[in-house]
Amino acid sequence: LQVWDERRRLGPAGSDLPRLSVGGWYVSSTWVVTGERKAGGVEAR
């Protein structure tokens, strides 16, 4: 995910500043060790 925010007229003498950049990522994994299916939500046997 990435977000850019403009900063118009916030610099010296009302000039524009470079955009503020915010970003990130994640990777996740799960394993139902008791064997139930993950898709649709785990329901215990």
All heavy atoms as atom14 arrays in JSON, in Angstrom:
{
  "sequence": "LQVWDERRRLGPAGSDLPRLSVGGWYVSSTWVVTGERKAGGVEAR",
  "atom14_mask": [
    [1, 1, 1, 1, 1, 1, 1, 1, 0, 0, 0, 0, 0, 0],
    [1, 1, 1, 1, 1, 1, 1, 1, 1, 0, 0, 0, 0, 0],
    [1, 1, 1, 1, 1, 1, 1, 0, 0, 0, 0, 0, 0, 0],
    [1, 1, 1, 1, 1, 1, 1, 1, 1, 1, 1, 1, 1, 1],
    [1, 1, 1, 1, 1, 1, 1, 1, 0, 0, 0, 0, 0, 0],
    [1, 1, 1, 1, 1, 1, 1, 1, 1, 0, 0, 0, 0, 0],
    [1, 1, 1, 1, 1, 1, 1, 1, 1, 1, 1, 0, 0, 0],
    [1, 1, 1, 1, 1, 1, 1, 1, 1, 1, 1, 0, 0, 0],
    [1, 1, 1, 1, 1, 1, 1, 1, 1, 1, 1, 0, 0, 0],
    [1, 1, 1, 1, 1, 1, 1, 1, 0, 0, 0, 0, 0, 0],
    [1, 1, 1, 1, 0, 0, 0, 0, 0, 0, 0, 0, 0, 0],
    [1, 1, 1, 1, 1, 1, 1, 0, 0, 0, 0, 0, 0, 0],
    [1, 1, 1, 1, 1, 0, 0, 0, 0, 0, 0, 0, 0, 0],
    [1, 1, 1, 1, 0, 0, 0, 0, 0, 0, 0, 0, 0, 0],
    [1, 1, 1, 1, 1, 1, 0, 0, 0, 0, 0, 0, 0, 0],
    [1, 1, 1, 1, 1, 1, 1, 1, 0, 0, 0, 0, 0, 0],
    [1, 1, 1, 1, 1, 1, 1, 1, 0, 0, 0, 0, 0, 0],
    [1, 1, 1, 1, 1, 1, 1, 0, 0, 0, 0, 0, 0, 0],
    [1, 1, 1, 1, 1, 1, 1, 1, 1, 1, 1, 0, 0, 0],
    [1, 1, 1, 1, 1, 1, 1, 1, 0, 0, 0, 0, 0, 0],
    [1, 1, 1, 1, 1, 1, 0, 0, 0, 0, 0, 0, 0, 0],
    [1, 1, 1, 1, 1, 1, 1, 0, 0, 0, 0, 0, 0, 0],
    [1, 1, 1, 1, 0, 0, 0, 0, 0, 0, 0, 0, 0, 0],
    [1, 1, 1, 1, 0, 0, 0, 0, 0, 0, 0, 0, 0, 0],
    [1, 1, 1, 1, 1, 1, 1, 1, 1, 1, 1, 1, 1, 1],
    [1, 1, 1, 1, 1, 1, 1, 1, 1, 1, 1, 1, 0, 0],
    [1, 1, 1, 1, 1, 1, 1, 0, 0, 0, 0, 0, 0, 0],
    [1, 1, 1, 1, 1, 1, 0, 0, 0, 0, 0, 0, 0, 0],
    [1, 1, 1, 1, 1, 1, 0, 0, 0, 0, 0, 0, 0, 0],
    [1, 1, 1, 1, 1, 1, 1, 0, 0, 0, 0, 0, 0, 0],
    [1, 1, 1, 1, 1, 1, 1, 1, 1, 1, 1, 1, 1, 1],
    [1, 1, 1, 1, 1, 1, 1, 0, 0, 0, 0, 0, 0, 0],
    [1, 1, 1, 1, 1, 1, 1, 0, 0, 0, 0, 0, 0, 0],
    [1, 1, 1, 1, 1, 1, 1, 0, 0, 0, 0, 0, 0, 0],
    [1, 1, 1, 1, 0, 0, 0, 0, 0, 0, 0, 0, 0, 0],
    [1, 1, 1, 1, 1, 1, 1, 1, 1, 0, 0, 0, 0, 0],
    [1, 1, 1, 1, 1, 1, 1, 1, 1, 1, 1, 0, 0, 0],
    [1, 1, 1, 1, 1, 1, 1, 1, 1, 0, 0, 0, 0, 0],
    [1, 1, 1, 1, 1, 0, 0, 0, 0, 0, 0, 0, 0, 0],
    [1, 1, 1, 1, 0, 0, 0, 0, 0, 0, 0, 0, 0, 0],
    [1, 1, 1, 1, 0, 0, 0, 0, 0, 0, 0, 0, 0, 0],
    [1, 1, 1, 1, 1, 1, 1, 0, 0, 0, 0, 0, 0, 0],
    [1, 1, 1, 1, 1, 1, 1, 1, 1, 0, 0, 0, 0, 0],
    [1, 1, 1, 1, 1, 0, 0, 0, 0, 0, 0, 0, 0, 0],
    [1, 1, 1, 1, 1, 1, 1, 1, 1, 1, 1, 0, 0, 0]
  ],
  "atom14_positions": [
    [[0.85, -1.19, 0.0], [0.0, 0.0, 0.0], [0.88, 1.24, 0.0], [1.91, 1.28, 0.71], [-0.91, -0.02, 1.24], [-2.1, 0.93, 1.33], [-3.12, 0.38, 2.32], [-1.67, 2.31, 1.8], [0.0, 0.0, 0.0], [0.0, 0.0, 0.0], [0.0, 0.0, 0.0], [0.0, 0.0, 0.0], [0.0, 0.0, 0.0], [0.0, 0.0, 0.0]],
    [[0.49, 2.24, -0.77], [1.25, 3.49, -0.84], [0.29, 4.67, -0.8], [-0.77, 4.65, -1.44], [2.07, 3.54, -2.14], [3.05, 4.68, -2.21], [4.25, 4.51, -1.28], [4.7, 3.39, -1.06], [4.72, 5.61, -0.72], [0.0, 0.0, 0.0], [0.0, 0.0, 0.0], [0.0, 0.0, 0.0], [0.0, 0.0, 0.0], [0.0, 0.0, 0.0]],
    [[0.68, 5.72, -0.05], [-0.12, 6.95, 0.06], [0.78, 8.13, -0.25], [1.9, 8.23, 0.28], [-0.73, 7.12, 1.46], [-1.63, 8.36, 1.5], [-1.5, 5.88, 1.87], [0.0, 0.0, 0.0], [0.0, 0.0, 0.0], [0.0, 0.0, 0.0], [0.0, 0.0, 0.0], [0.0, 0.0, 0.0], [0.0, 0.0, 0.0], [0.0, 0.0, 0.0]],
    [[0.29, 9.05, -1.09], [0.99, 10.29, -1.37], [0.1, 11.47, -0.98], [-1.06, 11.54, -1.39], [1.34, 10.4, -2.85], [2.33, 9.39, -3.32], [3.69, 9.46, -3.26], [2.04, 8.16, -3.99], [4.26, 8.35, -3.82], [3.27, 7.52, -4.26], [0.85, 7.51, -4.35], [3.36, 6.3, -4.9], [0.93, 6.28, -4.97], [2.17, 5.69, -5.25]],
    [[0.65, 12.39, -0.21], [-0.04, 13.62, 0.18], [0.69, 14.82, -0.43], [1.9, 15.01, -0.19], [-0.06, 13.8, 1.7], [-1.17, 13.01, 2.36], [-2.17, 12.71, 1.67], [-1.04, 12.68, 3.55], [0.0, 0.0, 0.0], [0.0, 0.0, 0.0], [0.0, 0.0, 0.0], [0.0, 0.0, 0.0], [0.0, 0.0, 0.0], [0.0, 0.0, 0.0]],
    [[-0.03, 15.62, -1.23], [0.57, 16.84, -1.75], [0.7, 17.87, -0.63], [-0.03, 17.84, 0.36], [-0.27, 17.41, -2.88], [-0.26, 16.56, -4.14], [-1.04, 17.21, -5.27], [-1.92, 18.03, -4.98], [-0.75, 16.88, -6.43], [0.0, 0.0, 0.0], [0.0, 0.0, 0.0], [0.0, 0.0, 0.0], [0.0, 0.0, 0.0], [0.0, 0.0, 0.0]],
    [[1.65, 18.81, -0.82], [1.86, 19.88, 0.16], [1.98, 21.21, -0.58], [3.04, 21.82, -0.66], [3.08, 19.58, 1.02], [2.89, 18.32, 1.88], [3.99, 18.15, 2.89], [5.24, 17.78, 2.26], [6.43, 17.87, 2.86], [6.51, 18.35, 4.08], [7.51, 17.47, 2.22], [0.0, 0.0, 0.0], [0.0, 0.0, 0.0], [0.0, 0.0, 0.0]],
    [[0.84, 21.62, -1.1], [0.8, 22.84, -1.91], [0.9, 24.08, -1.02], [0.29, 24.15, 0.04], [-0.5, 22.9, -2.7], [-0.71, 21.75, -3.67], [-2.09, 21.84, -4.31], [-2.38, 20.68, -5.16], [-3.58, 20.41, -5.65], [-4.61, 21.22, -5.37], [-3.76, 19.35, -6.41], [0.0, 0.0, 0.0], [0.0, 0.0, 0.0], [0.0, 0.0, 0.0]],
    [[1.7, 25.04, -1.48], [1.84, 26.36, -0.86], [2.27, 26.27, 0.61], [1.95, 27.15, 1.41], [0.52, 27.13, -0.96], [0.04, 27.35, -2.4], [-1.11, 28.33, -2.46], [-2.27, 27.85, -1.73], [-3.18, 27.02, -2.23], [-3.06, 26.58, -3.47], [-4.22, 26.64, -1.51], [0.0, 0.0, 0.0], [0.0, 0.0, 0.0], [0.0, 0.0, 0.0]],
    [[2.99, 25.25, 0.98], [3.44, 25.11, 2.36], [4.95, 25.38, 2.5], [5.48, 25.27, 3.62], [3.14, 23.7, 2.88], [1.65, 23.34, 3.0], [1.49, 21.92, 3.52], [0.95, 24.32, 3.94], [0.0, 0.0, 0.0], [0.0, 0.0, 0.0], [0.0, 0.0, 0.0], [0.0, 0.0, 0.0], [0.0, 0.0, 0.0], [0.0, 0.0, 0.0]],
    [[5.61, 25.73, 1.41], [7.02, 26.02, 1.46], [7.3, 27.51, 1.59], [6.38, 28.33, 1.78], [0.0, 0.0, 0.0], [0.0, 0.0, 0.0], [0.0, 0.0, 0.0], [0.0, 0.0, 0.0], [0.0, 0.0, 0.0], [0.0, 0.0, 0.0], [0.0, 0.0, 0.0], [0.0, 0.0, 0.0], [0.0, 0.0, 0.0], [0.0, 0.0, 0.0]],
    [[8.56, 27.9, 1.52], [8.93, 29.32, 1.6], [8.23, 30.15, 0.52], [8.14, 29.74, -0.63], [10.45, 29.29, 1.38], [10.86, 27.9, 1.78], [9.72, 27.01, 1.38], [0.0, 0.0, 0.0], [0.0, 0.0, 0.0], [0.0, 0.0, 0.0], [0.0, 0.0, 0.0], [0.0, 0.0, 0.0], [0.0, 0.0, 0.0], [0.0, 0.0, 0.0]],
    [[7.7, 31.31, 0.92], [7.01, 32.23, 0.01], [5.86, 31.55, -0.72], [5.54, 31.88, -1.86], [8.01, 32.81, -1.0], [0.0, 0.0, 0.0], [0.0, 0.0, 0.0], [0.0, 0.0, 0.0], [0.0, 0.0, 0.0], [0.0, 0.0, 0.0], [0.0, 0.0, 0.0], [0.0, 0.0, 0.0], [0.0, 0.0, 0.0], [0.0, 0.0, 0.0]],
    [[5.2, 30.6, -0.08], [4.04, 29.95, -0.67], [4.35, 28.94, -1.74], [3.46, 28.59, -2.54], [0.0, 0.0, 0.0], [0.0, 0.0, 0.0], [0.0, 0.0, 0.0], [0.0, 0.0, 0.0], [0.0, 0.0, 0.0], [0.0, 0.0, 0.0], [0.0, 0.0, 0.0], [0.0, 0.0, 0.0], [0.0, 0.0, 0.0], [0.0, 0.0, 0.0]],
    [[5.55, 28.44, -1.78], [5.92, 27.46, -2.8], [5.41, 26.07, -2.4], [5.06, 25.82, -1.25], [7.45, 27.41, -2.96], [8.06, 27.05, -1.74], [0.0, 0.0, 0.0], [0.0, 0.0, 0.0], [0.0, 0.0, 0.0], [0.0, 0.0, 0.0], [0.0, 0.0, 0.0], [0.0, 0.0, 0.0], [0.0, 0.0, 0.0], [0.0, 0.0, 0.0]],
    [[5.39, 25.18, -3.39], [4.96, 23.81, -3.13], [6.14, 22.98, -2.62], [7.27, 23.1, -3.12], [4.41, 23.17, -4.4], [3.13, 23.84, -4.88], [2.52, 24.56, -4.06], [2.76, 23.63, -6.04], [0.0, 0.0, 0.0], [0.0, 0.0, 0.0], [0.0, 0.0, 0.0], [0.0, 0.0, 0.0], [0.0, 0.0, 0.0], [0.0, 0.0, 0.0]],
    [[5.85, 22.12, -1.68], [6.84, 21.19, -1.16], [6.68, 19.83, -1.82], [5.61, 19.51, -2.35], [6.7, 21.05, 0.36], [7.08, 22.27, 1.2], [6.78, 22.0, 2.67], [8.55, 22.61, 1.01], [0.0, 0.0, 0.0], [0.0, 0.0, 0.0], [0.0, 0.0, 0.0], [0.0, 0.0, 0.0], [0.0, 0.0, 0.0], [0.0, 0.0, 0.0]],
    [[7.71, 19.0, -1.78], [7.58, 17.63, -2.31], [6.49, 16.87, -1.57], [6.2, 17.14, -0.4], [8.95, 17.01, -2.05], [9.88, 18.16, -1.93], [9.09, 19.27, -1.32], [0.0, 0.0, 0.0], [0.0, 0.0, 0.0], [0.0, 0.0, 0.0], [0.0, 0.0, 0.0], [0.0, 0.0, 0.0], [0.0, 0.0, 0.0], [0.0, 0.0, 0.0]],
    [[5.89, 15.91, -2.25], [4.83, 15.12, -1.63], [5.36, 14.32, -0.44], [6.51, 13.9, -0.41], [4.23, 14.15, -2.64], [3.55, 14.79, -3.81], [2.95, 13.73, -4.73], [3.96, 12.78, -5.21], [3.68, 11.72, -5.98], [2.43, 11.51, -6.36], [4.63, 10.91, -6.37], [0.0, 0.0, 0.0], [0.0, 0.0, 0.0], [0.0, 0.0, 0.0]],
    [[4.5, 14.14, 0.54], [4.81, 13.25, 1.65], [4.43, 11.84, 1.22], [3.3, 11.57, 0.8], [4.01, 13.65, 2.89], [4.24, 12.79, 4.14], [5.67, 12.91, 4.63], [3.25, 13.17, 5.23], [0.0, 0.0, 0.0], [0.0, 0.0, 0.0], [0.0, 0.0, 0.0], [0.0, 0.0, 0.0], [0.0, 0.0, 0.0], [0.0, 0.0, 0.0]],
    [[5.37, 10.92, 1.33], [5.17, 9.54, 0.87], [5.12, 8.61, 2.06], [6.0, 8.63, 2.93], [6.31, 9.14, -0.07], [6.2, 7.79, -0.46], [0.0, 0.0, 0.0], [0.0, 0.0, 0.0], [0.0, 0.0, 0.0], [0.0, 0.0, 0.0], [0.0, 0.0, 0.0], [0.0, 0.0, 0.0], [0.0, 0.0, 0.0], [0.0, 0.0, 0.0]],
    [[4.09, 7.78, 2.11], [3.91, 6.81, 3.19], [3.57, 5.48, 2.54], [2.67, 5.41, 1.7], [2.78, 7.22, 4.15], [2.73, 6.27, 5.34], [2.93, 8.66, 4.6], [0.0, 0.0, 0.0], [0.0, 0.0, 0.0], [0.0, 0.0, 0.0], [0.0, 0.0, 0.0], [0.0, 0.0, 0.0], [0.0, 0.0, 0.0], [0.0, 0.0, 0.0]],
    [[4.24, 4.42, 2.91], [3.96, 3.14, 2.29], [4.36, 1.98, 3.17], [5.07, 2.13, 4.17], [0.0, 0.0, 0.0], [0.0, 0.0, 0.0], [0.0, 0.0, 0.0], [0.0, 0.0, 0.0], [0.0, 0.0, 0.0], [0.0, 0.0, 0.0], [0.0, 0.0, 0.0], [0.0, 0.0, 0.0], [0.0, 0.0, 0.0], [0.0, 0.0, 0.0]],
    [[3.91, 0.8, 2.78], [4.26, -0.38, 3.55], [3.73, -1.64, 2.91], [3.04, -1.61, 1.88], [0.0, 0.0, 0.0], [0.0, 0.0, 0.0], [0.0, 0.0, 0.0], [0.0, 0.0, 0.0], [0.0, 0.0, 0.0], [0.0, 0.0, 0.0], [0.0, 0.0, 0.0], [0.0, 0.0, 0.0], [0.0, 0.0, 0.0], [0.0, 0.0, 0.0]],
    [[4.04, -2.77, 3.53], [3.61, -4.07, 3.01], [3.6, -5.07, 4.15], [4.17, -4.85, 5.22], [4.51, -4.55, 1.89], [5.97, -4.65, 2.27], [6.93, -3.69, 2.1], [6.64, -5.78, 2.88], [8.15, -4.14, 2.57], [7.99, -5.41, 3.07], [6.23, -7.04, 3.31], [8.94, -6.26, 3.64], [7.15, -7.9, 3.9], [8.49, -7.51, 4.05]],
    [[2.94, -6.18, 3.91], [2.98, -7.3, 4.84], [2.78, -8.61, 4.07], [2.19, -8.63, 2.99], [1.93, -7.19, 5.95], [0.51, -7.4, 5.48], [-0.03, -8.69, 5.35], [-0.32, -6.32, 5.15], [-1.32, -8.88, 4.9], [-1.61, -6.52, 4.71], [-2.1, -7.79, 4.58], [-3.39, -7.99, 4.14], [0.0, 0.0, 0.0], [0.0, 0.0, 0.0]],
    [[3.28, -9.68, 4.64], [3.04, -11.04, 4.16], [2.68, -11.88, 5.37], [3.36, -11.81, 6.41], [4.27, -11.63, 3.46], [4.01, -13.08, 3.07], [4.65, -10.82, 2.23], [0.0, 0.0, 0.0], [0.0, 0.0, 0.0], [0.0, 0.0, 0.0], [0.0, 0.0, 0.0], [0.0, 0.0, 0.0], [0.0, 0.0, 0.0], [0.0, 0.0, 0.0]],
    [[1.61, -12.65, 5.29], [1.19, -13.48, 6.41], [0.82, -14.87, 5.92], [0.48, -15.07, 4.75], [0.01, -12.85, 7.16], [-1.15, -12.85, 6.36], [0.0, 0.0, 0.0], [0.0, 0.0, 0.0], [0.0, 0.0, 0.0], [0.0, 0.0, 0.0], [0.0, 0.0, 0.0], [0.0, 0.0, 0.0], [0.0, 0.0, 0.0], [0.0, 0.0, 0.0]],
    [[0.86, -15.82, 6.85], [0.51, -17.2, 6.52], [-0.07, -17.87, 7.75], [0.3, -17.54, 8.89], [1.74, -17.96, 6.03], [1.41, -19.29, 5.68], [0.0, 0.0, 0.0], [0.0, 0.0, 0.0], [0.0, 0.0, 0.0], [0.0, 0.0, 0.0], [0.0, 0.0, 0.0], [0.0, 0.0, 0.0], [0.0, 0.0, 0.0], [0.0, 0.0, 0.0]],
    [[-0.98, -18.81, 7.53], [-1.56, -19.58, 8.63], [-1.61, -21.06, 8.25], [-1.63, -21.42, 7.07], [-2.98, -19.11, 8.99], [-3.87, -19.39, 7.88], [-3.02, -17.63, 9.29], [0.0, 0.0, 0.0], [0.0, 0.0, 0.0], [0.0, 0.0, 0.0], [0.0, 0.0, 0.0], [0.0, 0.0, 0.0], [0.0, 0.0, 0.0], [0.0, 0.0, 0.0]],
    [[-1.65, -21.9, 9.28], [-1.75, -23.36, 9.09], [-2.62, -23.93, 10.19], [-2.29, -23.82, 11.37], [-0.37, -24.0, 9.12], [-0.39, -25.5, 9.13], [-1.29, -26.32, 8.5], [0.53, -26.38, 9.79], [-1.01, -27.65, 8.72], [0.12, -27.71, 9.52], [1.65, -26.17, 10.57], [0.8, -28.82, 10.02], [2.34, -27.27, 11.07], [1.9, -28.58, 10.8]],
    [[-3.76, -24.5, 9.8], [-4.65, -25.15, 10.75], [-4.09, -26.55, 11.01], [-4.29, -27.47, 10.21], [-6.1, -25.23, 10.23], [-7.01, -25.79, 11.32], [-6.58, -23.84, 9.8], [0.0, 0.0, 0.0], [0.0, 0.0, 0.0], [0.0, 0.0, 0.0], [0.0, 0.0, 0.0], [0.0, 0.0, 0.0], [0.0, 0.0, 0.0], [0.0, 0.0, 0.0]],
    [[-3.38, -26.72, 12.11], [-2.65, -27.96, 12.35], [-3.58, -29.14, 12.62], [-3.18, -30.31, 12.47], [-1.67, -27.79, 13.52], [-0.62, -26.75, 13.18], [-2.4, -27.4, 14.79], [0.0, 0.0, 0.0], [0.0, 0.0, 0.0], [0.0, 0.0, 0.0], [0.0, 0.0, 0.0], [0.0, 0.0, 0.0], [0.0, 0.0, 0.0], [0.0, 0.0, 0.0]],
    [[-4.83, -28.87, 13.01], [-5.79, -29.95, 13.24], [-6.48, -30.38, 11.96], [-7.33, -31.29, 11.99], [-6.82, -29.53, 14.29], [-7.32, -28.22, 13.97], [-6.21, -29.49, 15.68], [0.0, 0.0, 0.0], [0.0, 0.0, 0.0], [0.0, 0.0, 0.0], [0.0, 0.0, 0.0], [0.0, 0.0, 0.0], [0.0, 0.0, 0.0], [0.0, 0.0, 0.0]],
    [[-6.18, -29.74, 10.82], [-6.61, -30.23, 9.52], [-7.85, -29.61, 8.92], [-8.19, -29.9, 7.77], [0.0, 0.0, 0.0], [0.0, 0.0, 0.0], [0.0, 0.0, 0.0], [0.0, 0.0, 0.0], [0.0, 0.0, 0.0], [0.0, 0.0, 0.0], [0.0, 0.0, 0.0], [0.0, 0.0, 0.0], [0.0, 0.0, 0.0], [0.0, 0.0, 0.0]],
    [[-8.57, -28.74, 9.65], [-9.78, -28.13, 9.07], [-9.42, -27.2, 7.92], [-8.33, -26.64, 7.87], [-10.54, -27.34, 10.15], [-11.24, -28.18, 11.18], [-10.36, -28.64, 12.31], [-9.12, -28.41, 12.22], [-10.87, -29.21, 13.29], [0.0, 0.0, 0.0], [0.0, 0.0, 0.0], [0.0, 0.0, 0.0], [0.0, 0.0, 0.0], [0.0, 0.0, 0.0]],
    [[-10.35, -27.01, 7.01], [-10.14, -26.11, 5.88], [-10.16, -24.66, 6.35], [-10.93, -24.28, 7.22], [-11.22, -26.31, 4.81], [-11.13, -27.63, 4.06], [-12.21, -27.72, 2.99], [-12.11, -26.63, 2.04], [-11.3, -26.6, 1.0], [-10.49, -27.63, 0.78], [-11.28, -25.57, 0.17], [0.0, 0.0, 0.0], [0.0, 0.0, 0.0], [0.0, 0.0, 0.0]],
    [[-9.3, -23.85, 5.71], [-9.23, -22.43, 6.05], [-10.26, -21.61, 5.29], [-10.84, -20.67, 5.84], [-7.82, -21.92, 5.74], [-7.63, -20.43, 5.99], [-7.74, -20.09, 7.46], [-7.42, -18.62, 7.68], [-7.49, -18.24, 9.1], [0.0, 0.0, 0.0], [0.0, 0.0, 0.0], [0.0, 0.0, 0.0], [0.0, 0.0, 0.0], [0.0, 0.0, 0.0]],
    [[-10.5, -21.93, 4.03], [-11.41, -21.14, 3.2], [-12.8, -21.1, 3.81], [-13.35, -22.12, 4.22], [-11.47, -21.73, 1.79], [0.0, 0.0, 0.0], [0.0, 0.0, 0.0], [0.0, 0.0, 0.0], [0.0, 0.0, 0.0], [0.0, 0.0, 0.0], [0.0, 0.0, 0.0], [0.0, 0.0, 0.0], [0.0, 0.0, 0.0], [0.0, 0.0, 0.0]],
    [[-13.35, -19.91, 3.87], [-14.69, -19.73, 4.41], [-14.73, -19.64, 5.92], [-15.82, -19.51, 6.5], [0.0, 0.0, 0.0], [0.0, 0.0, 0.0], [0.0, 0.0, 0.0], [0.0, 0.0, 0.0], [0.0, 0.0, 0.0], [0.0, 0.0, 0.0], [0.0, 0.0, 0.0], [0.0, 0.0, 0.0], [0.0, 0.0, 0.0], [0.0, 0.0, 0.0]],
    [[-13.59, -19.72, 6.59], [-13.56, -19.66, 8.04], [-13.37, -21.03, 8.66], [-13.95, -22.01, 8.2], [0.0, 0.0, 0.0], [0.0, 0.0, 0.0], [0.0, 0.0, 0.0], [0.0, 0.0, 0.0], [0.0, 0.0, 0.0], [0.0, 0.0, 0.0], [0.0, 0.0, 0.0], [0.0, 0.0, 0.0], [0.0, 0.0, 0.0], [0.0, 0.0, 0.0]],
    [[-12.54, -21.09, 9.69], [-12.23, -22.37, 10.34], [-13.39, -22.77, 11.25], [-13.85, -21.99, 12.07], [-10.94, -22.26, 11.17], [-10.66, -23.58, 11.89], [-9.77, -21.88, 10.28], [0.0, 0.0, 0.0], [0.0, 0.0, 0.0], [0.0, 0.0, 0.0], [0.0, 0.0, 0.0], [0.0, 0.0, 0.0], [0.0, 0.0, 0.0], [0.0, 0.0, 0.0]],
    [[-13.87, -24.0, 11.08], [-14.92, -24.55, 11.95], [-14.43, -25.89, 12.5], [-14.18, -26.83, 11.75], [-16.22, -24.74, 11.19], [-17.36, -25.21, 12.08], [-18.71, -25.16, 11.38], [-18.82, -24.5, 10.33], [-19.64, -25.82, 11.89], [0.0, 0.0, 0.0], [0.0, 0.0, 0.0], [0.0, 0.0, 0.0], [0.0, 0.0, 0.0], [0.0, 0.0, 0.0]],
    [[-14.28, -25.95, 13.81], [-13.72, -27.13, 14.45], [-14.57, -28.36, 14.19], [-15.79, -28.33, 14.33], [-13.58, -26.89, 15.95], [0.0, 0.0, 0.0], [0.0, 0.0, 0.0], [0.0, 0.0, 0.0], [0.0, 0.0, 0.0], [0.0, 0.0, 0.0], [0.0, 0.0, 0.0], [0.0, 0.0, 0.0], [0.0, 0.0, 0.0], [0.0, 0.0, 0.0]],
    [[-13.91, -29.48, 13.82], [-14.64, -30.73, 13.63], [-15.22, -31.23, 14.95], [-16.34, -31.73, 14.99], [-13.7, -31.78, 13.05], [-13.17, -31.49, 11.66], [-12.58, -32.76, 11.07], [-11.88, -32.48, 9.82], [-10.56, -32.4, 9.7], [-9.81, -32.56, 10.77], [-10.0, -32.17, 8.53], [0.0, 0.0, 0.0], [0.0, 0.0, 0.0], [0.0, 0.0, 0.0]]
  ]
}
